[in-house]
Amino acid sequence: MKHLKKQPIAIFLALIIIAGATFFGAHRSLRAASNQVAAQFYEGVYDEVQGRVLPSIYGQLEQRATAALRMISIGEHSHGDDDTLALAEKELRGTRRDLVDLLASGSPGELFEADQAIGLAAERYHALLRPLVETADGEDLDALDMAWSTMQNAARVMRESGYNEAIRAFHRDVLERFPTRFLMEIVFVNPPELFA
């Protein structure tokens, strides 16, 4: 107790308490703000002009994974012994599996890479499969066209989701301003990641 009566020690302890409280408060509020913005990846971005929440990128990735599985299913009984198509199918299966695995725990950046890969694999597979299906069953052709349309529509919806714009606005309006810019470096908060 005698040590606390000395003014330099009391000032030093007060500064430590203030710094700790500032660090804790900044960490908590910045983490909450970052998490709220990042949650739009899974929940969708509210569009003030349309007055509604736009479809989420996460939901569209799930749709693309499902559409890829439909395409593979159609190809399984339509391609016979076509080795080129079999290789394209193997690639599509692999990229789909990677995407599905990342949907459980991947970051937006990782999911973007996986989405790019499944998009290219699906495009190659569709280009090889469609001519074979055209000469076979009409129902398979309709199903293939529907799956391919789902792949393309989901990609368009992701581009128009507003998520990346919301993340850029958060970086510009919150993270790049003083003192937040300085605090982000010392409070160990990861900024929300772009889907790019």
N, C-alpha and C. Protein backbone atom coordinates (compact mmCIF):
# COMPACT_ATOMS: atom_id res chain seq x y z
N MET A 1 0.82 -1.19 0.00
CA MET A 1 0.00 0.00 0.00
C MET A 1 0.86 1.25 0.00
N LYS A 2 2.03 1.15 0.64
CA LYS A 2 2.93 2.30 0.69
C LYS A 2 3.43 2.66 -0.71
N HIS A 3 3.61 1.61 -1.57
CA HIS A 3 4.11 1.86 -2.93
C HIS A 3 3.12 2.67 -3.75
N LEU A 4 1.82 2.45 -3.50
CA LEU A 4 0.81 3.16 -4.27
C LEU A 4 0.72 4.64 -3.88
N LYS A 5 1.24 4.98 -2.73
CA LYS A 5 1.22 6.37 -2.31
C LYS A 5 2.26 7.18 -3.07
N LYS A 6 3.20 6.50 -3.67
CA LYS A 6 4.20 7.21 -4.46
C LYS A 6 3.58 7.56 -5.80
N GLN A 7 3.64 8.80 -6.16
CA GLN A 7 2.95 9.31 -7.34
C GLN A 7 3.40 8.64 -8.65
N PRO A 8 4.69 8.43 -8.93
CA PRO A 8 5.09 7.80 -10.20
C PRO A 8 4.53 6.39 -10.36
N ILE A 9 4.49 5.61 -9.30
CA ILE A 9 3.97 4.25 -9.39
C ILE A 9 2.47 4.28 -9.65
N ALA A 10 1.76 5.15 -8.98
CA ALA A 10 0.32 5.27 -9.17
C ALA A 10 0.00 5.70 -10.60
N ILE A 11 0.76 6.65 -11.12
CA ILE A 11 0.55 7.10 -12.51
C ILE A 11 0.83 5.96 -13.48
N PHE A 12 1.90 5.23 -13.23
CA PHE A 12 2.26 4.10 -14.10
C PHE A 12 1.15 3.04 -14.11
N LEU A 13 0.63 2.70 -12.94
CA LEU A 13 -0.44 1.71 -12.86
C LEU A 13 -1.72 2.22 -13.54
N ALA A 14 -2.00 3.51 -13.36
CA ALA A 14 -3.18 4.09 -14.02
C ALA A 14 -3.04 4.01 -15.54
N LEU A 15 -1.85 4.29 -16.04
CA LEU A 15 -1.60 4.22 -17.49
C LEU A 15 -1.75 2.79 -18.01
N ILE A 16 -1.29 1.83 -17.25
CA ILE A 16 -1.43 0.41 -17.65
C ILE A 16 -2.90 0.03 -17.70
N ILE A 17 -3.67 0.45 -16.71
CA ILE A 17 -5.10 0.13 -16.68
C ILE A 17 -5.82 0.79 -17.84
N ILE A 18 -5.50 2.05 -18.12
CA ILE A 18 -6.14 2.76 -19.24
C ILE A 18 -5.77 2.11 -20.57
N ALA A 19 -4.49 1.76 -20.74
CA ALA A 19 -4.05 1.11 -21.99
C ALA A 19 -4.73 -0.25 -22.16
N GLY A 20 -4.83 -1.01 -21.07
CA GLY A 20 -5.48 -2.32 -21.15
C GLY A 20 -6.95 -2.21 -21.49
N ALA A 21 -7.62 -1.24 -20.86
CA ALA A 21 -9.04 -1.05 -21.15
C ALA A 21 -9.25 -0.58 -22.58
N THR A 22 -8.38 0.30 -23.06
CA THR A 22 -8.46 0.77 -24.45
C THR A 22 -8.24 -0.38 -25.42
N PHE A 23 -7.22 -1.20 -25.16
CA PHE A 23 -6.92 -2.35 -26.00
C PHE A 23 -8.10 -3.30 -26.04
N PHE A 24 -8.64 -3.64 -24.87
CA PHE A 24 -9.76 -4.57 -24.80
C PHE A 24 -10.99 -4.02 -25.50
N GLY A 25 -11.30 -2.75 -25.25
CA GLY A 25 -12.47 -2.13 -25.88
C GLY A 25 -12.33 -2.05 -27.39
N ALA A 26 -11.14 -1.65 -27.86
CA ALA A 26 -10.91 -1.56 -29.31
C ALA A 26 -10.98 -2.93 -29.95
N HIS A 27 -10.39 -3.92 -29.30
CA HIS A 27 -10.42 -5.29 -29.85
C HIS A 27 -11.87 -5.77 -29.96
N ARG A 28 -12.61 -5.56 -28.91
CA ARG A 28 -13.99 -6.05 -28.88
C ARG A 28 -14.86 -5.35 -29.93
N SER A 29 -14.77 -4.03 -30.01
CA SER A 29 -15.64 -3.31 -30.95
C SER A 29 -15.21 -3.53 -32.40
N LEU A 30 -13.91 -3.58 -32.67
CA LEU A 30 -13.46 -3.82 -34.04
C LEU A 30 -13.77 -5.25 -34.49
N ARG A 31 -13.62 -6.19 -33.58
CA ARG A 31 -13.95 -7.57 -33.93
C ARG A 31 -15.44 -7.70 -34.22
N ALA A 32 -16.28 -7.07 -33.40
CA ALA A 32 -17.73 -7.13 -33.63
C ALA A 32 -18.10 -6.49 -34.97
N ALA A 33 -17.50 -5.34 -35.27
CA ALA A 33 -17.80 -4.66 -36.54
C ALA A 33 -17.32 -5.49 -37.73
N SER A 34 -16.13 -6.05 -37.63
CA SER A 34 -15.60 -6.89 -38.72
C SER A 34 -16.45 -8.13 -38.92
N ASN A 35 -16.85 -8.76 -37.82
CA ASN A 35 -17.69 -9.97 -37.92
C ASN A 35 -19.05 -9.66 -38.53
N GLN A 36 -19.59 -8.49 -38.19
CA GLN A 36 -20.90 -8.11 -38.72
C GLN A 36 -20.83 -7.92 -40.24
N VAL A 37 -19.79 -7.27 -40.72
CA VAL A 37 -19.63 -7.07 -42.15
C VAL A 37 -19.34 -8.40 -42.84
N ALA A 38 -18.47 -9.20 -42.26
CA ALA A 38 -18.11 -10.49 -42.85
C ALA A 38 -19.30 -11.44 -42.91
N ALA A 39 -20.25 -11.32 -41.98
CA ALA A 39 -21.43 -12.20 -41.95
C ALA A 39 -22.28 -12.04 -43.20
N GLN A 40 -22.14 -10.93 -43.90
CA GLN A 40 -22.91 -10.72 -45.12
C GLN A 40 -22.55 -11.73 -46.21
N PHE A 41 -21.39 -12.34 -46.10
CA PHE A 41 -21.00 -13.39 -47.04
C PHE A 41 -21.97 -14.57 -46.94
N TYR A 42 -22.42 -14.85 -45.73
CA TYR A 42 -23.31 -15.99 -45.46
C TYR A 42 -24.79 -15.61 -45.47
N GLU A 43 -25.08 -14.36 -45.10
CA GLU A 43 -26.47 -13.95 -44.93
C GLU A 43 -26.99 -13.07 -46.06
N GLY A 44 -26.10 -12.47 -46.83
CA GLY A 44 -26.49 -11.55 -47.88
C GLY A 44 -26.36 -10.10 -47.44
N VAL A 45 -26.26 -9.23 -48.42
CA VAL A 45 -26.09 -7.79 -48.18
C VAL A 45 -27.44 -7.10 -48.35
N TYR A 46 -27.75 -6.22 -47.43
CA TYR A 46 -29.00 -5.45 -47.55
C TYR A 46 -28.80 -4.36 -48.59
N ASP A 47 -29.67 -4.35 -49.59
CA ASP A 47 -29.64 -3.35 -50.65
C ASP A 47 -30.70 -2.30 -50.33
N GLU A 48 -30.25 -1.08 -50.03
CA GLU A 48 -31.18 -0.01 -49.64
C GLU A 48 -32.07 0.41 -50.81
N VAL A 49 -31.55 0.37 -52.02
CA VAL A 49 -32.34 0.77 -53.19
C VAL A 49 -33.50 -0.21 -53.41
N GLN A 50 -33.20 -1.51 -53.34
CA GLN A 50 -34.23 -2.52 -53.55
C GLN A 50 -35.04 -2.79 -52.28
N GLY A 51 -34.51 -2.38 -51.14
CA GLY A 51 -35.22 -2.59 -49.88
C GLY A 51 -35.29 -4.05 -49.47
N ARG A 52 -34.26 -4.80 -49.79
CA ARG A 52 -34.26 -6.22 -49.43
C ARG A 52 -32.83 -6.73 -49.30
N VAL A 53 -32.70 -7.90 -48.69
CA VAL A 53 -31.40 -8.56 -48.57
C VAL A 53 -31.16 -9.35 -49.85
N LEU A 54 -30.03 -9.11 -50.47
CA LEU A 54 -29.68 -9.83 -51.70
C LEU A 54 -29.23 -11.25 -51.36
N PRO A 55 -29.35 -12.18 -52.30
CA PRO A 55 -28.90 -13.56 -52.04
C PRO A 55 -27.41 -13.58 -51.66
N SER A 56 -27.07 -14.45 -50.73
CA SER A 56 -25.69 -14.52 -50.24
C SER A 56 -24.79 -15.26 -51.22
N ILE A 57 -23.52 -14.94 -51.17
CA ILE A 57 -22.53 -15.66 -51.98
C ILE A 57 -22.48 -17.11 -51.53
N TYR A 58 -22.53 -17.33 -50.23
CA TYR A 58 -22.45 -18.70 -49.72
C TYR A 58 -23.57 -19.57 -50.30
N GLY A 59 -24.77 -19.05 -50.33
CA GLY A 59 -25.90 -19.80 -50.89
C GLY A 59 -25.71 -20.10 -52.36
N GLN A 60 -25.12 -19.17 -53.09
CA GLN A 60 -24.88 -19.40 -54.52
C GLN A 60 -23.79 -20.44 -54.74
N LEU A 61 -22.81 -20.46 -53.87
CA LEU A 61 -21.77 -21.50 -53.97
C LEU A 61 -22.37 -22.88 -53.74
N GLU A 62 -23.30 -22.96 -52.80
CA GLU A 62 -23.99 -24.24 -52.57
C GLU A 62 -24.77 -24.65 -53.82
N GLN A 63 -25.42 -23.69 -54.46
CA GLN A 63 -26.17 -24.00 -55.68
C GLN A 63 -25.24 -24.48 -56.79
N ARG A 64 -24.07 -23.86 -56.91
CA ARG A 64 -23.12 -24.29 -57.95
C ARG A 64 -22.61 -25.70 -57.68
N ALA A 65 -22.37 -26.02 -56.42
CA ALA A 65 -21.92 -27.37 -56.07
C ALA A 65 -23.01 -28.39 -56.41
N THR A 66 -24.27 -28.06 -56.14
CA THR A 66 -25.38 -28.96 -56.45
C THR A 66 -25.56 -29.11 -57.96
N ALA A 67 -25.45 -28.00 -58.69
CA ALA A 67 -25.60 -28.05 -60.15
C ALA A 67 -24.49 -28.89 -60.77
N ALA A 68 -23.27 -28.79 -60.25
CA ALA A 68 -22.16 -29.60 -60.76
C ALA A 68 -22.44 -31.08 -60.55
N LEU A 69 -23.01 -31.41 -59.39
CA LEU A 69 -23.36 -32.81 -59.12
C LEU A 69 -24.42 -33.31 -60.09
N ARG A 70 -25.40 -32.46 -60.41
CA ARG A 70 -26.42 -32.84 -61.40
C ARG A 70 -25.79 -33.11 -62.76
N MET A 71 -24.86 -32.25 -63.16
CA MET A 71 -24.19 -32.44 -64.45
C MET A 71 -23.43 -33.76 -64.48
N ILE A 72 -22.75 -34.06 -63.39
CA ILE A 72 -22.00 -35.32 -63.30
C ILE A 72 -22.96 -36.51 -63.40
N SER A 73 -24.08 -36.42 -62.70
CA SER A 73 -25.07 -37.49 -62.72
C SER A 73 -25.62 -37.73 -64.13
N ILE A 74 -25.88 -36.65 -64.85
CA ILE A 74 -26.37 -36.78 -66.23
C ILE A 74 -25.30 -37.43 -67.10
N GLY A 75 -24.07 -37.01 -66.92
CA GLY A 75 -22.98 -37.54 -67.72
C GLY A 75 -22.68 -38.99 -67.48
N GLU A 76 -22.96 -39.47 -66.26
CA GLU A 76 -22.66 -40.86 -65.92
C GLU A 76 -23.39 -41.85 -66.81
N HIS A 77 -24.60 -41.52 -67.24
CA HIS A 77 -25.31 -42.47 -68.09
C HIS A 77 -25.48 -41.97 -69.52
N SER A 78 -24.70 -40.95 -69.88
CA SER A 78 -24.82 -40.43 -71.24
C SER A 78 -23.55 -40.51 -72.07
N HIS A 79 -22.40 -40.71 -71.43
CA HIS A 79 -21.17 -40.59 -72.20
C HIS A 79 -20.54 -41.90 -72.63
N GLY A 80 -21.00 -42.99 -72.10
CA GLY A 80 -20.43 -44.27 -72.52
C GLY A 80 -18.95 -44.36 -72.18
N ASP A 81 -18.13 -44.65 -73.20
CA ASP A 81 -16.70 -44.86 -72.98
C ASP A 81 -15.85 -43.70 -73.48
N ASP A 82 -16.35 -42.50 -73.48
CA ASP A 82 -15.61 -41.34 -73.96
C ASP A 82 -14.54 -40.96 -72.93
N ASP A 83 -13.26 -41.22 -73.27
CA ASP A 83 -12.16 -40.96 -72.33
C ASP A 83 -11.97 -39.48 -72.02
N THR A 84 -12.15 -38.64 -73.02
CA THR A 84 -11.99 -37.19 -72.81
C THR A 84 -13.02 -36.68 -71.82
N LEU A 85 -14.26 -37.14 -72.00
CA LEU A 85 -15.32 -36.73 -71.08
C LEU A 85 -15.08 -37.31 -69.69
N ALA A 86 -14.57 -38.53 -69.63
CA ALA A 86 -14.29 -39.14 -68.33
C ALA A 86 -13.25 -38.33 -67.56
N LEU A 87 -12.24 -37.81 -68.25
CA LEU A 87 -11.23 -36.98 -67.60
C LEU A 87 -11.84 -35.65 -67.13
N ALA A 88 -12.70 -35.08 -67.97
CA ALA A 88 -13.37 -33.83 -67.59
C ALA A 88 -14.28 -34.06 -66.39
N GLU A 89 -14.92 -35.23 -66.35
CA GLU A 89 -15.78 -35.56 -65.21
C GLU A 89 -14.96 -35.68 -63.94
N LYS A 90 -13.80 -36.32 -64.05
CA LYS A 90 -12.93 -36.47 -62.89
C LYS A 90 -12.49 -35.10 -62.36
N GLU A 91 -12.17 -34.20 -63.28
CA GLU A 91 -11.78 -32.84 -62.87
C GLU A 91 -12.94 -32.12 -62.19
N LEU A 92 -14.14 -32.25 -62.75
CA LEU A 92 -15.30 -31.59 -62.16
C LEU A 92 -15.60 -32.17 -60.77
N ARG A 93 -15.50 -33.48 -60.64
CA ARG A 93 -15.72 -34.11 -59.33
C ARG A 93 -14.72 -33.57 -58.30
N GLY A 94 -13.46 -33.48 -58.71
CA GLY A 94 -12.42 -33.00 -57.79
C GLY A 94 -12.64 -31.56 -57.37
N THR A 95 -12.96 -30.69 -58.33
CA THR A 95 -13.17 -29.28 -57.99
C THR A 95 -14.43 -29.11 -57.14
N ARG A 96 -15.43 -29.93 -57.40
CA ARG A 96 -16.66 -29.87 -56.59
C ARG A 96 -16.37 -30.32 -55.16
N ARG A 97 -15.61 -31.39 -55.02
CA ARG A 97 -15.25 -31.88 -53.68
C ARG A 97 -14.46 -30.81 -52.91
N ASP A 98 -13.53 -30.14 -53.60
CA ASP A 98 -12.76 -29.07 -52.96
C ASP A 98 -13.67 -27.94 -52.49
N LEU A 99 -14.62 -27.56 -53.33
CA LEU A 99 -15.55 -26.49 -52.96
C LEU A 99 -16.40 -26.90 -51.76
N VAL A 100 -16.94 -28.10 -51.80
CA VAL A 100 -17.80 -28.57 -50.70
C VAL A 100 -17.00 -28.62 -49.39
N ASP A 101 -15.76 -29.09 -49.45
CA ASP A 101 -14.92 -29.13 -48.24
C ASP A 101 -14.69 -27.72 -47.69
N LEU A 102 -14.45 -26.77 -48.58
CA LEU A 102 -14.19 -25.40 -48.13
C LEU A 102 -15.45 -24.70 -47.63
N LEU A 103 -16.62 -25.13 -48.09
CA LEU A 103 -17.86 -24.53 -47.60
C LEU A 103 -18.01 -24.72 -46.09
N ALA A 104 -17.37 -25.75 -45.57
CA ALA A 104 -17.46 -26.00 -44.13
C ALA A 104 -16.59 -25.05 -43.31
N SER A 105 -15.45 -24.62 -43.88
CA SER A 105 -14.55 -23.82 -43.04
C SER A 105 -13.64 -22.87 -43.82
N GLY A 106 -13.85 -22.72 -45.10
CA GLY A 106 -12.96 -21.89 -45.90
C GLY A 106 -13.25 -20.40 -45.78
N SER A 107 -12.23 -19.62 -46.06
CA SER A 107 -12.38 -18.16 -46.06
C SER A 107 -12.97 -17.72 -47.40
N PRO A 108 -13.50 -16.50 -47.48
CA PRO A 108 -14.00 -16.02 -48.78
C PRO A 108 -12.97 -16.09 -49.90
N GLY A 109 -11.71 -15.80 -49.60
CA GLY A 109 -10.66 -15.88 -50.62
C GLY A 109 -10.45 -17.30 -51.11
N GLU A 110 -10.43 -18.25 -50.18
CA GLU A 110 -10.27 -19.66 -50.56
C GLU A 110 -11.47 -20.15 -51.36
N LEU A 111 -12.66 -19.73 -50.94
CA LEU A 111 -13.87 -20.13 -51.65
C LEU A 111 -13.92 -19.51 -53.05
N PHE A 112 -13.39 -18.31 -53.19
CA PHE A 112 -13.32 -17.70 -54.52
C PHE A 112 -12.47 -18.54 -55.46
N GLU A 113 -11.30 -18.95 -54.98
CA GLU A 113 -10.42 -19.79 -55.80
C GLU A 113 -11.10 -21.11 -56.16
N ALA A 114 -11.76 -21.73 -55.20
CA ALA A 114 -12.46 -22.99 -55.46
C ALA A 114 -13.60 -22.79 -56.45
N ASP A 115 -14.28 -21.65 -56.36
CA ASP A 115 -15.37 -21.36 -57.28
C ASP A 115 -14.85 -21.15 -58.70
N GLN A 116 -13.73 -20.48 -58.82
CA GLN A 116 -13.14 -20.28 -60.15
C GLN A 116 -12.80 -21.64 -60.77
N ALA A 117 -12.24 -22.53 -59.96
CA ALA A 117 -11.85 -23.85 -60.47
C ALA A 117 -13.07 -24.66 -60.89
N ILE A 118 -14.13 -24.66 -60.08
CA ILE A 118 -15.31 -25.44 -60.45
C ILE A 118 -16.00 -24.83 -61.67
N GLY A 119 -15.94 -23.52 -61.80
CA GLY A 119 -16.54 -22.87 -62.96
C GLY A 119 -15.88 -23.29 -64.26
N LEU A 120 -14.54 -23.32 -64.26
CA LEU A 120 -13.81 -23.74 -65.46
C LEU A 120 -14.04 -25.22 -65.76
N ALA A 121 -14.01 -26.04 -64.70
CA ALA A 121 -14.22 -27.48 -64.90
C ALA A 121 -15.63 -27.76 -65.42
N ALA A 122 -16.63 -27.07 -64.90
CA ALA A 122 -18.01 -27.26 -65.35
C ALA A 122 -18.18 -26.81 -66.80
N GLU A 123 -17.52 -25.73 -67.16
CA GLU A 123 -17.61 -25.24 -68.54
C GLU A 123 -17.03 -26.25 -69.53
N ARG A 124 -15.86 -26.83 -69.17
CA ARG A 124 -15.25 -27.84 -70.04
C ARG A 124 -16.14 -29.08 -70.14
N TYR A 125 -16.64 -29.51 -68.99
CA TYR A 125 -17.48 -30.71 -68.96
C TYR A 125 -18.75 -30.51 -69.77
N HIS A 126 -19.39 -29.36 -69.59
CA HIS A 126 -20.62 -29.06 -70.32
C HIS A 126 -20.37 -29.05 -71.83
N ALA A 127 -19.26 -28.45 -72.25
CA ALA A 127 -18.96 -28.36 -73.68
C ALA A 127 -18.76 -29.74 -74.30
N LEU A 128 -18.21 -30.66 -73.53
CA LEU A 128 -18.00 -32.02 -74.04
C LEU A 128 -19.27 -32.88 -73.94
N LEU A 129 -20.04 -32.67 -72.87
CA LEU A 129 -21.20 -33.52 -72.61
C LEU A 129 -22.41 -33.16 -73.47
N ARG A 130 -22.63 -31.89 -73.69
CA ARG A 130 -23.87 -31.46 -74.37
C ARG A 130 -24.06 -32.10 -75.75
N PRO A 131 -23.02 -32.15 -76.61
CA PRO A 131 -23.23 -32.80 -77.91
C PRO A 131 -23.63 -34.27 -77.81
N LEU A 132 -23.11 -34.95 -76.79
CA LEU A 132 -23.44 -36.37 -76.61
C LEU A 132 -24.89 -36.53 -76.13
N VAL A 133 -25.30 -35.62 -75.25
CA VAL A 133 -26.66 -35.70 -74.70
C VAL A 133 -27.69 -35.30 -75.76
N GLU A 134 -27.34 -34.37 -76.63
CA GLU A 134 -28.26 -33.93 -77.69
C GLU A 134 -28.72 -35.09 -78.57
N THR A 135 -27.82 -36.04 -78.80
CA THR A 135 -28.15 -37.17 -79.67
C THR A 135 -28.84 -38.30 -78.92
N ALA A 136 -28.91 -38.17 -77.61
CA ALA A 136 -29.51 -39.24 -76.81
C ALA A 136 -30.89 -38.83 -76.31
N ASP A 137 -31.02 -38.64 -75.02
CA ASP A 137 -32.32 -38.45 -74.37
C ASP A 137 -32.67 -36.98 -74.21
N GLY A 138 -33.88 -36.60 -74.60
CA GLY A 138 -34.35 -35.22 -74.46
C GLY A 138 -34.47 -34.77 -73.02
N GLU A 139 -34.84 -35.68 -72.12
CA GLU A 139 -34.96 -35.33 -70.70
C GLU A 139 -33.59 -34.98 -70.13
N ASP A 140 -32.58 -35.74 -70.52
CA ASP A 140 -31.23 -35.44 -70.05
C ASP A 140 -30.76 -34.09 -70.56
N LEU A 141 -31.12 -33.77 -71.79
CA LEU A 141 -30.73 -32.48 -72.36
C LEU A 141 -31.37 -31.34 -71.57
N ASP A 142 -32.65 -31.47 -71.25
CA ASP A 142 -33.33 -30.44 -70.46
C ASP A 142 -32.68 -30.30 -69.08
N ALA A 143 -32.38 -31.43 -68.46
CA ALA A 143 -31.77 -31.42 -67.13
C ALA A 143 -30.37 -30.81 -67.18
N LEU A 144 -29.62 -31.13 -68.23
CA LEU A 144 -28.28 -30.57 -68.36
C LEU A 144 -28.35 -29.05 -68.57
N ASP A 145 -29.25 -28.62 -69.44
CA ASP A 145 -29.40 -27.19 -69.67
C ASP A 145 -29.81 -26.45 -68.40
N MET A 146 -30.67 -27.09 -67.61
CA MET A 146 -31.11 -26.47 -66.35
C MET A 146 -29.94 -26.37 -65.37
N ALA A 147 -29.14 -27.42 -65.27
CA ALA A 147 -27.99 -27.40 -64.36
C ALA A 147 -26.97 -26.35 -64.81
N TRP A 148 -26.72 -26.28 -66.10
CA TRP A 148 -25.78 -25.29 -66.63
C TRP A 148 -26.30 -23.87 -66.40
N SER A 149 -27.60 -23.68 -66.58
CA SER A 149 -28.21 -22.38 -66.33
C SER A 149 -28.07 -21.99 -64.85
N THR A 150 -28.24 -22.95 -63.96
CA THR A 150 -28.06 -22.69 -62.53
C THR A 150 -26.63 -22.25 -62.23
N MET A 151 -25.66 -22.94 -62.85
CA MET A 151 -24.24 -22.57 -62.67
C MET A 151 -24.02 -21.12 -63.09
N GLN A 152 -24.52 -20.75 -64.24
CA GLN A 152 -24.31 -19.41 -64.77
C GLN A 152 -25.06 -18.35 -63.97
N ASN A 153 -26.31 -18.64 -63.62
CA ASN A 153 -27.10 -17.68 -62.85
C ASN A 153 -26.49 -17.43 -61.47
N ALA A 154 -26.01 -18.49 -60.83
CA ALA A 154 -25.40 -18.34 -59.51
C ALA A 154 -24.14 -17.48 -59.60
N ALA A 155 -23.36 -17.65 -60.66
CA ALA A 155 -22.16 -16.83 -60.85
C ALA A 155 -22.55 -15.35 -61.03
N ARG A 156 -23.60 -15.10 -61.78
CA ARG A 156 -24.07 -13.72 -61.98
C ARG A 156 -24.55 -13.11 -60.66
N VAL A 157 -25.32 -13.88 -59.90
CA VAL A 157 -25.84 -13.39 -58.62
C VAL A 157 -24.68 -13.06 -57.67
N MET A 158 -23.63 -13.88 -57.68
CA MET A 158 -22.48 -13.61 -56.82
C MET A 158 -21.80 -12.30 -57.23
N ARG A 159 -21.68 -12.08 -58.54
CA ARG A 159 -21.07 -10.83 -59.01
C ARG A 159 -21.88 -9.61 -58.58
N GLU A 160 -23.20 -9.78 -58.49
CA GLU A 160 -24.09 -8.67 -58.17
C GLU A 160 -24.52 -8.66 -56.70
N SER A 161 -23.86 -9.45 -55.87
CA SER A 161 -24.28 -9.62 -54.47
C SER A 161 -24.05 -8.38 -53.61
N GLY A 162 -23.14 -7.51 -54.00
CA GLY A 162 -22.83 -6.33 -53.20
C GLY A 162 -21.87 -6.60 -52.05
N TYR A 163 -21.44 -7.86 -51.91
CA TYR A 163 -20.56 -8.21 -50.78
C TYR A 163 -19.21 -7.49 -50.87
N ASN A 164 -18.53 -7.60 -52.00
CA ASN A 164 -17.22 -6.96 -52.13
C ASN A 164 -17.32 -5.45 -51.95
N GLU A 165 -18.40 -4.86 -52.46
CA GLU A 165 -18.59 -3.42 -52.29
C GLU A 165 -18.75 -3.07 -50.82
N ALA A 166 -19.48 -3.90 -50.07
CA ALA A 166 -19.67 -3.66 -48.63
C ALA A 166 -18.34 -3.78 -47.88
N ILE A 167 -17.52 -4.75 -48.27
CA ILE A 167 -16.22 -4.92 -47.62
C ILE A 167 -15.32 -3.74 -47.93
N ARG A 168 -15.30 -3.31 -49.19
CA ARG A 168 -14.48 -2.14 -49.56
C ARG A 168 -14.93 -0.89 -48.82
N ALA A 169 -16.23 -0.70 -48.69
CA ALA A 169 -16.76 0.46 -47.98
C ALA A 169 -16.35 0.40 -46.50
N PHE A 170 -16.39 -0.78 -45.90
CA PHE A 170 -15.99 -0.93 -44.50
C PHE A 170 -14.50 -0.60 -44.34
N HIS A 171 -13.68 -1.09 -45.27
CA HIS A 171 -12.25 -0.77 -45.21
C HIS A 171 -12.03 0.74 -45.34
N ARG A 172 -12.71 1.34 -46.30
CA ARG A 172 -12.53 2.78 -46.56
C ARG A 172 -13.07 3.64 -45.42
N ASP A 173 -14.27 3.34 -44.95
CA ASP A 173 -14.95 4.20 -43.99
C ASP A 173 -14.58 3.93 -42.53
N VAL A 174 -14.09 2.72 -42.26
CA VAL A 174 -13.79 2.37 -40.86
C VAL A 174 -12.30 2.05 -40.66
N LEU A 175 -11.81 1.07 -41.38
CA LEU A 175 -10.47 0.56 -41.09
C LEU A 175 -9.34 1.49 -41.53
N GLU A 176 -9.58 2.30 -42.54
CA GLU A 176 -8.49 3.15 -43.03
C GLU A 176 -8.49 4.54 -42.41
N ARG A 177 -9.32 4.76 -41.42
CA ARG A 177 -9.39 6.06 -40.74
C ARG A 177 -8.63 6.00 -39.42
N PHE A 178 -8.11 7.13 -39.03
CA PHE A 178 -7.46 7.22 -37.73
C PHE A 178 -8.53 7.35 -36.65
N PRO A 179 -8.44 6.69 -35.52
CA PRO A 179 -7.34 5.87 -35.04
C PRO A 179 -7.49 4.38 -35.35
N THR A 180 -8.59 4.03 -36.05
CA THR A 180 -8.84 2.61 -36.31
C THR A 180 -7.67 1.96 -37.05
N ARG A 181 -7.15 2.66 -38.01
CA ARG A 181 -6.03 2.13 -38.81
C ARG A 181 -4.86 1.73 -37.91
N PHE A 182 -4.56 2.60 -36.95
CA PHE A 182 -3.49 2.33 -36.00
C PHE A 182 -3.87 1.18 -35.07
N LEU A 183 -5.11 1.21 -34.56
CA LEU A 183 -5.54 0.20 -33.59
C LEU A 183 -5.61 -1.20 -34.21
N MET A 184 -6.02 -1.30 -35.48
CA MET A 184 -6.14 -2.62 -36.13
C MET A 184 -4.81 -3.38 -36.08
N GLU A 185 -3.72 -2.66 -36.12
CA GLU A 185 -2.41 -3.30 -36.13
C GLU A 185 -2.04 -3.87 -34.77
N ILE A 186 -2.60 -3.30 -33.70
CA ILE A 186 -2.17 -3.74 -32.36
C ILE A 186 -3.21 -4.53 -31.59
N VAL A 187 -4.45 -4.61 -32.08
CA VAL A 187 -5.48 -5.31 -31.31
C VAL A 187 -5.79 -6.71 -31.84
N PHE A 188 -5.04 -7.16 -32.83
CA PHE A 188 -5.15 -8.54 -33.34
C PHE A 188 -6.54 -8.89 -33.84
N VAL A 189 -7.09 -8.04 -34.70
CA VAL A 189 -8.39 -8.30 -35.32
C VAL A 189 -8.15 -8.46 -36.82
N ASN A 190 -8.63 -9.55 -37.38
CA ASN A 190 -8.50 -9.76 -38.81
C ASN A 190 -9.60 -9.02 -39.54
N PRO A 191 -9.23 -8.21 -40.52
CA PRO A 191 -10.28 -7.49 -41.27
C PRO A 191 -11.06 -8.47 -42.16
N PRO A 192 -12.30 -8.13 -42.49
CA PRO A 192 -13.08 -9.01 -43.35
C PRO A 192 -12.44 -9.13 -44.73
N GLU A 193 -12.58 -10.31 -45.32
CA GLU A 193 -11.89 -10.65 -46.57
C GLU A 193 -12.82 -10.52 -47.77
N LEU A 194 -12.27 -10.03 -48.86
CA LEU A 194 -13.01 -9.94 -50.12
C LEU A 194 -13.23 -11.32 -50.71
N PHE A 195 -14.29 -11.46 -51.48
CA PHE A 195 -14.52 -12.66 -52.30
C PHE A 195 -13.87 -12.37 -53.64
N ALA A 196 -12.55 -12.51 -53.67
CA ALA A 196 -11.79 -12.19 -54.88
C ALA A 196 -10.46 -12.91 -54.87
